[in-house]
Protein backbone atom coordinates (compact mmCIF):
# COMPACT_ATOMS: atom_id res chain seq x y z
CA MET A 1 68.24 4.17 9.79
CA LYS A 2 66.50 5.51 13.90
CA THR A 3 65.75 2.10 15.57
CA ASN A 4 65.23 3.63 19.41
CA GLY A 5 62.00 2.80 20.44
CA VAL A 6 61.10 0.13 16.89
CA SER A 7 59.56 -2.72 18.17
CA ASP A 8 61.22 -6.10 16.54
CA HIS A 9 58.62 -6.60 14.76
CA VAL A 10 58.73 -3.07 13.13
CA LEU A 11 62.29 -2.87 11.99
CA ALA A 12 62.14 -6.79 11.03
CA GLU A 13 58.77 -5.29 8.76
CA ARG A 14 62.08 -2.39 7.36
CA LEU A 15 64.67 -4.70 6.89
CA HIS A 16 62.61 -6.66 4.85
CA ASP A 17 61.62 -3.39 2.56
CA THR A 18 65.10 -3.06 1.63
CA ALA A 19 67.25 -2.64 -1.33
CA LEU A 20 69.07 -5.34 -0.09
CA PHE A 21 67.29 -7.91 1.45
CA SER A 22 65.91 -8.13 -1.84
CA THR A 23 68.82 -8.77 -3.21
CA ILE A 24 70.70 -10.95 -0.54
CA PHE A 25 67.20 -13.00 -1.05
CA ALA A 26 67.83 -13.02 -5.05
CA VAL A 27 70.86 -14.04 -4.30
CA LEU A 28 69.85 -16.96 -2.07
CA GLN A 29 66.85 -18.37 -3.39
CA ARG A 30 70.12 -19.59 -6.14
CA LYS A 31 71.06 -22.38 -5.99
CA ASP A 32 74.64 -20.45 -6.98
CA GLY A 33 73.83 -18.50 -3.64
CA GLN A 34 76.09 -17.66 -1.67
CA ILE A 35 77.17 -14.26 -0.16
CA ILE A 36 79.84 -12.76 -0.61
CA GLN A 37 82.72 -10.87 1.51
CA PRO A 38 82.99 -7.16 -0.32
CA SER A 39 87.08 -8.64 -0.90
CA GLU A 40 86.26 -11.20 -3.10
CA ALA A 41 83.72 -9.30 -5.40
CA LEU A 42 87.51 -6.94 -5.37
CA VAL A 43 88.85 -9.74 -7.91
CA ILE A 44 88.60 -8.79 -11.41
CA PRO A 45 88.74 -11.54 -14.13
CA SER A 46 91.65 -11.94 -16.96
CA LYS A 47 90.88 -10.38 -20.18
CA SER A 48 91.05 -14.42 -21.84
CA GLU A 49 87.98 -15.23 -19.21
CA ILE A 50 86.35 -12.39 -19.86
CA MET A 51 86.72 -13.82 -23.73
CA SER A 52 86.02 -16.94 -22.03
CA ARG A 53 82.56 -16.03 -20.86
CA TRP A 54 81.47 -14.88 -24.34
CA PRO A 55 82.45 -15.35 -27.58
CA GLY A 56 83.14 -13.82 -29.90
CA MET A 57 82.55 -10.52 -28.55
CA SER A 58 84.71 -7.35 -29.87
CA GLU A 59 88.32 -6.13 -27.94
CA ASP A 60 86.48 -2.79 -28.20
CA GLN A 61 83.46 -4.73 -25.44
CA VAL A 62 85.66 -6.96 -23.48
CA ASN A 63 88.01 -3.87 -22.75
CA SER A 64 85.21 -1.69 -21.83
CA ILE A 65 84.02 -5.16 -19.81
CA ILE A 66 86.99 -4.59 -18.21
CA MET A 67 86.73 -0.32 -18.01
CA ASP A 68 83.61 -1.52 -15.74
CA TYR A 69 84.57 -4.15 -13.25
CA ASN A 70 87.64 -1.44 -12.41
CA TYR A 71 85.31 1.80 -11.89
CA GLU A 72 83.92 -1.62 -9.04
CA GLN A 73 86.14 -1.87 -7.93
CA ASP A 74 87.32 1.74 -7.12
CA THR A 75 84.00 0.98 -5.69
CA LEU A 76 83.81 -1.05 -3.46
CA GLY A 77 86.73 -0.80 -2.62
CA ASP A 78 86.71 2.60 -0.82
CA VAL A 79 84.00 1.51 1.45
CA GLU A 80 84.64 0.79 4.51
CA PRO A 81 83.35 -1.41 6.79
CA THR A 82 81.43 0.36 10.13
CA LEU A 83 80.47 -2.45 12.74
CA THR A 84 77.18 -0.83 12.21
CA ASN A 85 77.32 -0.96 8.41
CA GLY A 86 78.14 -4.99 9.17
CA LYS A 87 75.85 -5.30 12.00
CA LEU A 88 73.07 -4.11 9.48
CA VAL A 89 73.98 -6.53 6.56
CA SER A 90 73.53 -9.71 9.70
CA ALA A 91 70.83 -8.61 10.41
CA ILE A 92 68.68 -8.52 6.10
CA VAL A 93 70.18 -11.70 5.81
CA GLU A 94 68.80 -13.54 8.60
CA ARG A 95 65.78 -11.59 8.03
CA ALA A 96 65.96 -13.26 3.70
CA MET A 97 67.31 -17.33 5.64
CA GLU A 98 64.01 -16.82 7.43
CA ALA A 99 61.91 -15.87 5.06
CA LEU A 100 63.32 -17.59 1.89
CA ASN A 101 62.86 -20.99 4.97
CA MET A 102 59.53 -19.61 5.22
CA GLU A 103 58.99 -20.01 1.99
CA GLU A 104 60.29 -23.50 0.91
CA GLY A 105 58.03 -24.93 4.05
CA GLN A 106 60.67 -25.38 6.26
C-alpha cells in the first residue's frame, strides 16, 4: 500500500476496507476475543483434544483436521514478520479498537 502524500484520514479509510480489519474487528467484538501472536497460533491440539471437541467424529475426519492444522502451521510458520507488516497490523488493530469503541458508544 502506497502511503506517500496520503492523509491519515484516507489511510484510515483504506485500512478500514481490508479483510484484515474486518477479521480483527469481528474478533474484538466477541467476549472471548483476543488477538494472539502467530507463534501462539502455531500450537496444534492433540488428537484426544480434537476428539473431545467434536465427539462422534470419525477417526478419518479427525486425521483430516490434523492434516489441515499441520498445513496451516507450516504456512503460518513460513510467514516472516517484518517491521513494516508489524506496524501495519498494529495500525489496523488500533483502528478496529477505535471503531469498536465508537460502536459501543464509548
